[in-house]
Amino acid sequence: MPRETPTYALLPCALCQFETASGDDIVISSCFHSACLDMVDLEDELYLLRFVEAMRYKRQPNLLQKEMRRHHLITCLSAGLLESFAQQGTHLPLELWNKIAEHLLPHYASANARSLWRRIKPEPVRMTEDIWCKYVDFEGIRYITKLSNSPSDGWELIYRPSGESIKYIFTAENHLGVISLLFSTSSNEPQVDEAPGIWWRTVHVKGEDLALRERIDACSLLFTCP
């Protein structure tokens, strides 16, 4: 009986999150595109592991989310290429730059993520004071990246004490990070419109201080309550 040819499922690149394909140069041990690994340029192995964890999808995005991400990256990259090369005297139609951008997407996605990635020190946030939020726009989506009782320019006020103790925090998350926070004095779920690819998580707050340990990436938050 003839033996069937085995098939293999290729994992997406851990840096750009685009699918690997036959013929791609990859680093097998961690499933990186070799070019993506060059783009992030993190020689310290610990930093690289933290960056990979920051970019890891917590859930699989649906097909619409994948297509929206792809379209956004192509639009941004092709516009940047058109402007940059026009300044050097090279004028090509946008449609052609779109085609070129499609071939550069993994490299561009990795470089873009690396440009935003920062190490963030944990900071306790007191529930007895105003809480301010800093957002970051990443691949066309606005994520919460930092909370503080002491705002800086561009921060938004998301909570002001009313006298009642906050018991729960509801976090709206997609496959990569936290996009919204709601504070509540009860465990009743907030009345919000459902959105594809968005999940709500409940965090029980104990005591007056909420200890937030912000993730090393610029896109999401993890909560630890004392």
C-alpha atoms as a PDB file:
ATOM      1  CA  MET A   1       0.000   0.000   0.000  1.00  0.00           C
ATOM      2  CA  PRO A   2       1.568   3.326  -1.011  1.00  0.00           C
ATOM      3  CA  ARG A   3       2.448   5.635   1.839  1.00  0.00           C
ATOM      4  CA  GLU A   4       0.691   9.001   1.828  1.00  0.00           C
ATOM      5  CA  THR A   5       2.793  12.118   1.631  1.00  0.00           C
ATOM      6  CA  PRO A   6       2.690  13.806   5.066  1.00  0.00           C
ATOM      7  CA  THR A   7       1.291  17.304   5.339  1.00  0.00           C
ATOM      8  CA  TYR A   8       2.478  19.979   7.725  1.00  0.00           C
ATOM      9  CA  ALA A   9       0.661  22.968   9.171  1.00  0.00           C
ATOM     10  CA  LEU A  10       2.933  25.998   9.129  1.00  0.00           C
ATOM     11  CA  LEU A  11       2.590  28.350  12.080  1.00  0.00           C
ATOM     12  CA  PRO A  12       2.383  32.113  11.582  1.00  0.00           C
ATOM     13  CA  CYS A  13       5.494  34.143  12.227  1.00  0.00           C
ATOM     14  CA  ALA A  14       5.681  34.969  15.938  1.00  0.00           C
ATOM     15  CA  LEU A  15       6.716  38.551  15.135  1.00  0.00           C
ATOM     16  CA  CYS A  16       4.576  39.792  12.239  1.00  0.00           C
ATOM     17  CA  GLN A  17       1.680  37.311  12.767  1.00  0.00           C
ATOM     18  CA  PHE A  18       1.412  36.704   9.017  1.00  0.00           C
ATOM     19  CA  GLU A  19       1.323  33.139   7.726  1.00  0.00           C
ATOM     20  CA  THR A  20       4.555  31.467   6.749  1.00  0.00           C
ATOM     21  CA  ALA A  21       4.591  29.879   3.324  1.00  0.00           C
ATOM     22  CA  SER A  22       6.593  27.345   1.400  1.00  0.00           C
ATOM     23  CA  GLY A  23       9.867  28.928   0.344  1.00  0.00           C
ATOM     24  CA  ASP A  24      10.019  31.455   3.194  1.00  0.00           C
ATOM     25  CA  ASP A  25      13.268  31.718   5.131  1.00  0.00           C
ATOM     26  CA  ILE A  26      12.332  30.986   8.729  1.00  0.00           C
ATOM     27  CA  VAL A  27      14.004  30.393  12.076  1.00  0.00           C
ATOM     28  CA  ILE A  28      12.533  27.001  12.881  1.00  0.00           C
ATOM     29  CA  SER A  29      13.106  26.976  16.647  1.00  0.00           C
ATOM     30  CA  SER A  30      10.682  29.856  17.193  1.00  0.00           C
ATOM     31  CA  CYS A  31       8.947  30.124  13.814  1.00  0.00           C
ATOM     32  CA  PHE A  32      10.171  33.579  12.845  1.00  0.00           C
ATOM     33  CA  HIS A  33      10.570  34.938   9.367  1.00  0.00           C
ATOM     34  CA  SER A  34      14.313  35.476   9.309  1.00  0.00           C
ATOM     35  CA  ALA A  35      13.743  38.949   7.822  1.00  0.00           C
ATOM     36  CA  CYS A  36      11.297  39.816  10.630  1.00  0.00           C
ATOM     37  CA  LEU A  37      13.898  38.786  13.186  1.00  0.00           C
ATOM     38  CA  ASP A  38      16.381  41.113  11.492  1.00  0.00           C
ATOM     39  CA  MET A  39      13.835  43.949  11.509  1.00  0.00           C
ATOM     40  CA  VAL A  40      13.160  43.863  15.264  1.00  0.00           C
ATOM     41  CA  ASP A  41      16.926  43.744  15.940  1.00  0.00           C
ATOM     42  CA  LEU A  42      16.713  42.505  19.541  1.00  0.00           C
ATOM     43  CA  GLU A  43      19.973  40.752  20.349  1.00  0.00           C
ATOM     44  CA  ASP A  44      19.103  40.230  24.016  1.00  0.00           C
ATOM     45  CA  GLU A  45      17.259  36.902  24.117  1.00  0.00           C
ATOM     46  CA  LEU A  46      15.164  37.892  27.142  1.00  0.00           C
ATOM     47  CA  TYR A  47      13.979  41.087  25.437  1.00  0.00           C
ATOM     48  CA  LEU A  48      13.159  39.089  22.320  1.00  0.00           C
ATOM     49  CA  LEU A  49      11.084  36.599  24.307  1.00  0.00           C
ATOM     50  CA  ARG A  50       9.205  39.457  25.969  1.00  0.00           C
ATOM     51  CA  PHE A  51       8.561  41.077  22.624  1.00  0.00           C
ATOM     52  CA  VAL A  52       7.270  37.786  21.192  1.00  0.00           C
ATOM     53  CA  GLU A  53       4.955  37.391  24.180  1.00  0.00           C
ATOM     54  CA  ALA A  54       3.706  40.941  23.693  1.00  0.00           C
ATOM     55  CA  MET A  55       2.835  40.226  20.058  1.00  0.00           C
ATOM     56  CA  ARG A  56       1.282  36.817  20.702  1.00  0.00           C
ATOM     57  CA  TYR A  57      -2.422  36.672  19.905  1.00  0.00           C
ATOM     58  CA  LYS A  58      -4.444  35.710  22.978  1.00  0.00           C
ATOM     59  CA  ARG A  59      -7.244  34.494  20.734  1.00  0.00           C
ATOM     60  CA  GLN A  60      -7.416  33.890  17.026  1.00  0.00           C
ATOM     61  CA  PRO A  61      -8.815  36.913  15.152  1.00  0.00           C
ATOM     62  CA  ASN A  62     -11.654  36.222  12.762  1.00  0.00           C
ATOM     63  CA  LEU A  63     -11.302  36.518   8.993  1.00  0.00           C
ATOM     64  CA  LEU A  64     -12.746  40.039   8.936  1.00  0.00           C
ATOM     65  CA  GLN A  65     -10.242  41.237  11.542  1.00  0.00           C
ATOM     66  CA  LYS A  66      -7.374  39.681   9.601  1.00  0.00           C
ATOM     67  CA  GLU A  67      -8.476  41.337   6.375  1.00  0.00           C
ATOM     68  CA  MET A  68      -8.963  44.720   8.074  1.00  0.00           C
ATOM     69  CA  ARG A  69      -5.466  44.483   9.549  1.00  0.00           C
ATOM     70  CA  ARG A  70      -3.986  43.575   6.187  1.00  0.00           C
ATOM     71  CA  HIS A  71      -5.811  46.421   4.428  1.00  0.00           C
ATOM     72  CA  HIS A  72      -4.716  48.959   7.053  1.00  0.00           C
ATOM     73  CA  LEU A  73      -1.057  47.943   6.839  1.00  0.00           C
ATOM     74  CA  ILE A  74      -1.058  48.008   3.036  1.00  0.00           C
ATOM     75  CA  THR A  75      -2.683  51.454   3.022  1.00  0.00           C
ATOM     76  CA  CYS A  76      -0.180  52.912   5.502  1.00  0.00           C
ATOM     77  CA  LEU A  77       2.874  51.364   3.871  1.00  0.00           C
ATOM     78  CA  SER A  78       1.947  52.209   0.280  1.00  0.00           C
ATOM     79  CA  ALA A  79       1.176  55.826   1.223  1.00  0.00           C
ATOM     80  CA  GLY A  80       4.527  56.077   2.975  1.00  0.00           C
ATOM     81  CA  LEU A  81       6.374  54.577   0.009  1.00  0.00           C
ATOM     82  CA  LEU A  82       4.639  56.907  -2.434  1.00  0.00           C
ATOM     83  CA  GLU A  83       5.545  60.003  -0.410  1.00  0.00           C
ATOM     84  CA  SER A  84       9.108  58.926   0.336  1.00  0.00           C
ATOM     85  CA  PHE A  85      10.018  58.007  -3.227  1.00  0.00           C
ATOM     86  CA  ALA A  86       8.220  61.047  -4.666  1.00  0.00           C
ATOM     87  CA  GLN A  87      10.600  63.235  -2.657  1.00  0.00           C
ATOM     88  CA  GLN A  88      13.461  61.426  -4.406  1.00  0.00           C
ATOM     89  CA  GLY A  89      11.942  61.974  -7.841  1.00  0.00           C
ATOM     90  CA  THR A  90      10.374  58.538  -8.349  1.00  0.00           C
ATOM     91  CA  HIS A  91       6.704  58.802  -9.224  1.00  0.00           C
ATOM     92  CA  LEU A  92       4.650  55.614  -9.487  1.00  0.00           C
ATOM     93  CA  PRO A  93       0.868  55.142  -9.289  1.00  0.00           C
ATOM     94  CA  LEU A  94      -0.546  54.236  -5.893  1.00  0.00           C
ATOM     95  CA  GLU A  95      -1.846  50.931  -7.290  1.00  0.00           C
ATOM     96  CA  LEU A  96       1.724  49.835  -7.970  1.00  0.00           C
ATOM     97  CA  TRP A  97       2.866  50.865  -4.508  1.00  0.00           C
ATOM     98  CA  ASN A  98      -0.007  48.770  -3.118  1.00  0.00           C
ATOM     99  CA  LYS A  99       1.372  45.731  -4.931  1.00  0.00           C
ATOM    100  CA  ILE A 100       4.856  46.410  -3.603  1.00  0.00           C
ATOM    101  CA  ALA A 101       3.493  46.898  -0.081  1.00  0.00           C
ATOM    102  CA  GLU A 102       1.828  43.474  -0.168  1.00  0.00           C
ATOM    103  CA  HIS A 103       5.241  41.825  -0.528  1.00  0.00           C
ATOM    104  CA  LEU A 104       6.701  43.878   2.330  1.00  0.00           C
ATOM    105  CA  LEU A 105       3.883  43.380   4.853  1.00  0.00           C
ATOM    106  CA  PRO A 106       5.657  40.967   7.255  1.00  0.00           C
ATOM    107  CA  HIS A 107       8.735  43.195   7.437  1.00  0.00           C
ATOM    108  CA  TYR A 108       6.665  46.359   7.858  1.00  0.00           C
ATOM    109  CA  ALA A 109       4.429  44.811  10.541  1.00  0.00           C
ATOM    110  CA  SER A 110       7.440  43.663  12.569  1.00  0.00           C
ATOM    111  CA  ALA A 111       9.236  47.001  12.263  1.00  0.00           C
ATOM    112  CA  ASN A 112       6.085  48.931  13.173  1.00  0.00           C
ATOM    113  CA  ALA A 113       5.489  46.814  16.277  1.00  0.00           C
ATOM    114  CA  ARG A 114       9.116  47.175  17.334  1.00  0.00           C
ATOM    115  CA  SER A 115       8.900  50.975  17.038  1.00  0.00           C
ATOM    116  CA  LEU A 116       6.041  51.065  19.569  1.00  0.00           C
ATOM    117  CA  TRP A 117       7.264  48.434  22.009  1.00  0.00           C
ATOM    118  CA  ARG A 118       8.410  49.779  25.351  1.00  0.00           C
ATOM    119  CA  ARG A 119       9.303  48.287  28.686  1.00  0.00           C
ATOM    120  CA  ILE A 120       6.763  49.666  31.164  1.00  0.00           C
ATOM    121  CA  LYS A 121       7.389  49.558  34.897  1.00  0.00           C
ATOM    122  CA  PRO A 122       4.478  48.432  37.096  1.00  0.00           C
ATOM    123  CA  GLU A 123       2.587  51.313  38.662  1.00  0.00           C
ATOM    124  CA  PRO A 124      -0.103  51.057  41.376  1.00  0.00           C
ATOM    125  CA  VAL A 125      -3.268  52.986  40.603  1.00  0.00           C
ATOM    126  CA  ARG A 126      -5.319  54.288  43.534  1.00  0.00           C
ATOM    127  CA  MET A 127      -9.087  53.988  43.221  1.00  0.00           C
ATOM    128  CA  THR A 128      -9.578  56.919  45.594  1.00  0.00           C
ATOM    129  CA  GLU A 129      -8.228  59.331  42.965  1.00  0.00           C
ATOM    130  CA  ASP A 130      -8.928  60.182  39.345  1.00  0.00           C
ATOM    131  CA  ILE A 131      -7.646  57.570  36.904  1.00  0.00           C
ATOM    132  CA  TRP A 132      -6.231  58.654  33.579  1.00  0.00           C
ATOM    133  CA  CYS A 133      -5.600  56.519  30.549  1.00  0.00           C
ATOM    134  CA  LYS A 134      -3.022  56.614  27.775  1.00  0.00           C
ATOM    135  CA  TYR A 135      -3.906  55.057  24.419  1.00  0.00           C
ATOM    136  CA  VAL A 136      -1.767  53.863  21.552  1.00  0.00           C
ATOM    137  CA  ASP A 137      -2.925  53.408  17.964  1.00  0.00           C
ATOM    138  CA  PHE A 138      -1.624  50.112  16.650  1.00  0.00           C
ATOM    139  CA  GLU A 139      -2.539  48.675  13.262  1.00  0.00           C
ATOM    140  CA  GLY A 140      -5.687  50.787  13.069  1.00  0.00           C
ATOM    141  CA  ILE A 141      -6.994  49.952  16.557  1.00  0.00           C
ATOM    142  CA  ARG A 142      -6.757  52.061  19.713  1.00  0.00           C
ATOM    143  CA  TYR A 143      -5.447  50.131  22.730  1.00  0.00           C
ATOM    144  CA  ILE A 144      -5.041  51.078  26.376  1.00  0.00           C
ATOM    145  CA  THR A 145      -1.346  51.119  27.136  1.00  0.00           C
ATOM    146  CA  LYS A 146      -1.035  52.794  30.553  1.00  0.00           C
ATOM    147  CA  LEU A 147      -3.105  53.953  33.535  1.00  0.00           C
ATOM    148  CA  SER A 148      -2.058  56.531  36.098  1.00  0.00           C
ATOM    149  CA  ASN A 149      -3.305  58.895  38.789  1.00  0.00           C
ATOM    150  CA  SER A 150      -0.974  61.565  37.379  1.00  0.00           C
ATOM    151  CA  PRO A 151      -1.797  62.366  33.750  1.00  0.00           C
ATOM    152  CA  SER A 152       0.466  63.763  31.067  1.00  0.00           C
ATOM    153  CA  ASP A 153      -0.380  65.519  27.812  1.00  0.00           C
ATOM    154  CA  GLY A 154      -2.763  63.526  25.647  1.00  0.00           C
ATOM    155  CA  TRP A 155      -4.135  61.343  28.449  1.00  0.00           C
ATOM    156  CA  GLU A 156      -7.892  60.838  28.925  1.00  0.00           C
ATOM    157  CA  LEU A 157      -9.852  60.755  32.176  1.00  0.00           C
ATOM    158  CA  ILE A 158     -11.681  57.401  32.438  1.00  0.00           C
ATOM    159  CA  TYR A 159     -12.674  57.311  36.125  1.00  0.00           C
ATOM    160  CA  ARG A 160     -13.537  59.869  38.806  1.00  0.00           C
ATOM    161  CA  PRO A 161     -14.433  58.707  42.355  1.00  0.00           C
ATOM    162  CA  SER A 162     -18.112  59.188  43.243  1.00  0.00           C
ATOM    163  CA  GLY A 163     -18.037  58.116  46.891  1.00  0.00           C
ATOM    164  CA  GLU A 164     -19.077  54.515  46.243  1.00  0.00           C
ATOM    165  CA  SER A 165     -16.436  51.811  46.253  1.00  0.00           C
ATOM    166  CA  ILE A 166     -15.582  50.220  42.945  1.00  0.00           C
ATOM    167  CA  LYS A 167     -16.096  46.465  43.151  1.00  0.00           C
ATOM    168  CA  TYR A 168     -15.555  45.340  39.576  1.00  0.00           C
ATOM    169  CA  ILE A 169     -13.774  46.433  36.455  1.00  0.00           C
ATOM    170  CA  PHE A 170     -14.963  45.166  33.084  1.00  0.00           C
ATOM    171  CA  THR A 171     -12.344  45.014  30.360  1.00  0.00           C
ATOM    172  CA  ALA A 172     -13.129  44.834  26.656  1.00  0.00           C
ATOM    173  CA  GLU A 173     -10.406  42.916  24.839  1.00  0.00           C
ATOM    174  CA  ASN A 174      -9.695  41.729  21.342  1.00  0.00           C
ATOM    175  CA  HIS A 175      -7.124  39.140  20.282  1.00  0.00           C
ATOM    176  CA  LEU A 176      -4.200  41.395  21.192  1.00  0.00           C
ATOM    177  CA  GLY A 177      -5.067  43.732  24.042  1.00  0.00           C
ATOM    178  CA  VAL A 178      -7.454  45.868  26.076  1.00  0.00           C
ATOM    179  CA  ILE A 179      -9.452  48.478  24.183  1.00  0.00           C
ATOM    180  CA  SER A 180     -11.872  49.706  26.869  1.00  0.00           C
ATOM    181  CA  LEU A 181     -12.451  49.741  30.651  1.00  0.00           C
ATOM    182  CA  LEU A 182     -15.671  50.162  32.613  1.00  0.00           C
ATOM    183  CA  PHE A 183     -15.763  50.668  36.387  1.00  0.00           C
ATOM    184  CA  SER A 184     -18.740  49.367  38.378  1.00  0.00           C
ATOM    185  CA  THR A 185     -19.988  49.303  41.971  1.00  0.00           C
ATOM    186  CA  SER A 186     -21.807  45.990  41.343  1.00  0.00           C
ATOM    187  CA  SER A 187     -21.223  42.709  39.548  1.00  0.00           C
ATOM    188  CA  ASN A 188     -23.957  43.435  37.004  1.00  0.00           C
ATOM    189  CA  GLU A 189     -22.595  43.150  33.501  1.00  0.00           C
ATOM    190  CA  PRO A 190     -22.531  46.450  31.595  1.00  0.00           C
ATOM    191  CA  GLN A 191     -25.120  47.044  28.899  1.00  0.00           C
ATOM    192  CA  VAL A 192     -22.994  47.286  25.779  1.00  0.00           C
ATOM    193  CA  ASP A 193     -23.467  46.466  22.133  1.00  0.00           C
ATOM    194  CA  GLU A 194     -21.880  43.197  21.090  1.00  0.00           C
ATOM    195  CA  ALA A 195     -19.061  43.452  18.578  1.00  0.00           C
ATOM    196  CA  PRO A 196     -17.441  40.582  16.663  1.00  0.00           C
ATOM    197  CA  GLY A 197     -14.017  39.708  18.006  1.00  0.00           C
ATOM    198  CA  ILE A 198     -14.464  41.596  21.306  1.00  0.00           C
ATOM    199  CA  TRP A 199     -14.610  39.754  24.643  1.00  0.00           C
ATOM    200  CA  TRP A 200     -15.452  41.152  28.073  1.00  0.00           C
ATOM    201  CA  ARG A 201     -13.552  40.070  31.168  1.00  0.00           C
ATOM    202  CA  THR A 202     -14.500  40.751  34.796  1.00  0.00           C
ATOM    203  CA  VAL A 203     -11.881  41.810  37.344  1.00  0.00           C
ATOM    204  CA  HIS A 204     -12.880  41.731  41.018  1.00  0.00           C
ATOM    205  CA  VAL A 205     -11.389  44.656  42.948  1.00  0.00           C
ATOM    206  CA  LYS A 206     -10.496  44.012  46.591  1.00  0.00           C
ATOM    207  CA  GLY A 207      -9.690  47.010  48.737  1.00  0.00           C
ATOM    208  CA  GLU A 208      -9.371  50.660  47.785  1.00  0.00           C
ATOM    209  CA  ASP A 209      -6.227  50.293  45.717  1.00  0.00           C
ATOM    210  CA  LEU A 210      -6.107  48.464  42.435  1.00  0.00           C
ATOM    211  CA  ALA A 211      -2.632  47.158  41.741  1.00  0.00           C
ATOM    212  CA  LEU A 212      -2.062  47.168  38.019  1.00  0.00           C
ATOM    213  CA  ARG A 213       0.813  45.334  36.475  1.00  0.00           C
ATOM    214  CA  GLU A 214       1.053  46.624  32.957  1.00  0.00           C
ATOM    215  CA  ARG A 215       2.368  44.257  30.363  1.00  0.00           C
ATOM    216  CA  ILE A 216       5.714  44.884  28.733  1.00  0.00           C
ATOM    217  CA  ASP A 217       4.025  45.536  25.409  1.00  0.00           C
ATOM    218  CA  ALA A 218       2.297  48.742  24.399  1.00  0.00           C
ATOM    219  CA  CYS A 219      -1.006  47.128  23.626  1.00  0.00           C
ATOM    220  CA  SER A 220      -2.546  45.396  26.627  1.00  0.00           C
ATOM    221  CA  LEU A 221      -2.941  45.313  30.390  1.00  0.00           C
ATOM    222  CA  LEU A 222      -2.997  42.512  32.939  1.00  0.00           C
ATOM    223  CA  PHE A 223      -4.667  43.079  36.276  1.00  0.00           C
ATOM    224  CA  THR A 224      -3.552  41.749  39.644  1.00  0.00           C
ATOM    225  CA  CYS A 225      -5.635  42.680  42.658  1.00  0.00           C
ATOM    226  CA  PRO A 226      -4.243  42.699  46.217  1.00  0.00           C
END
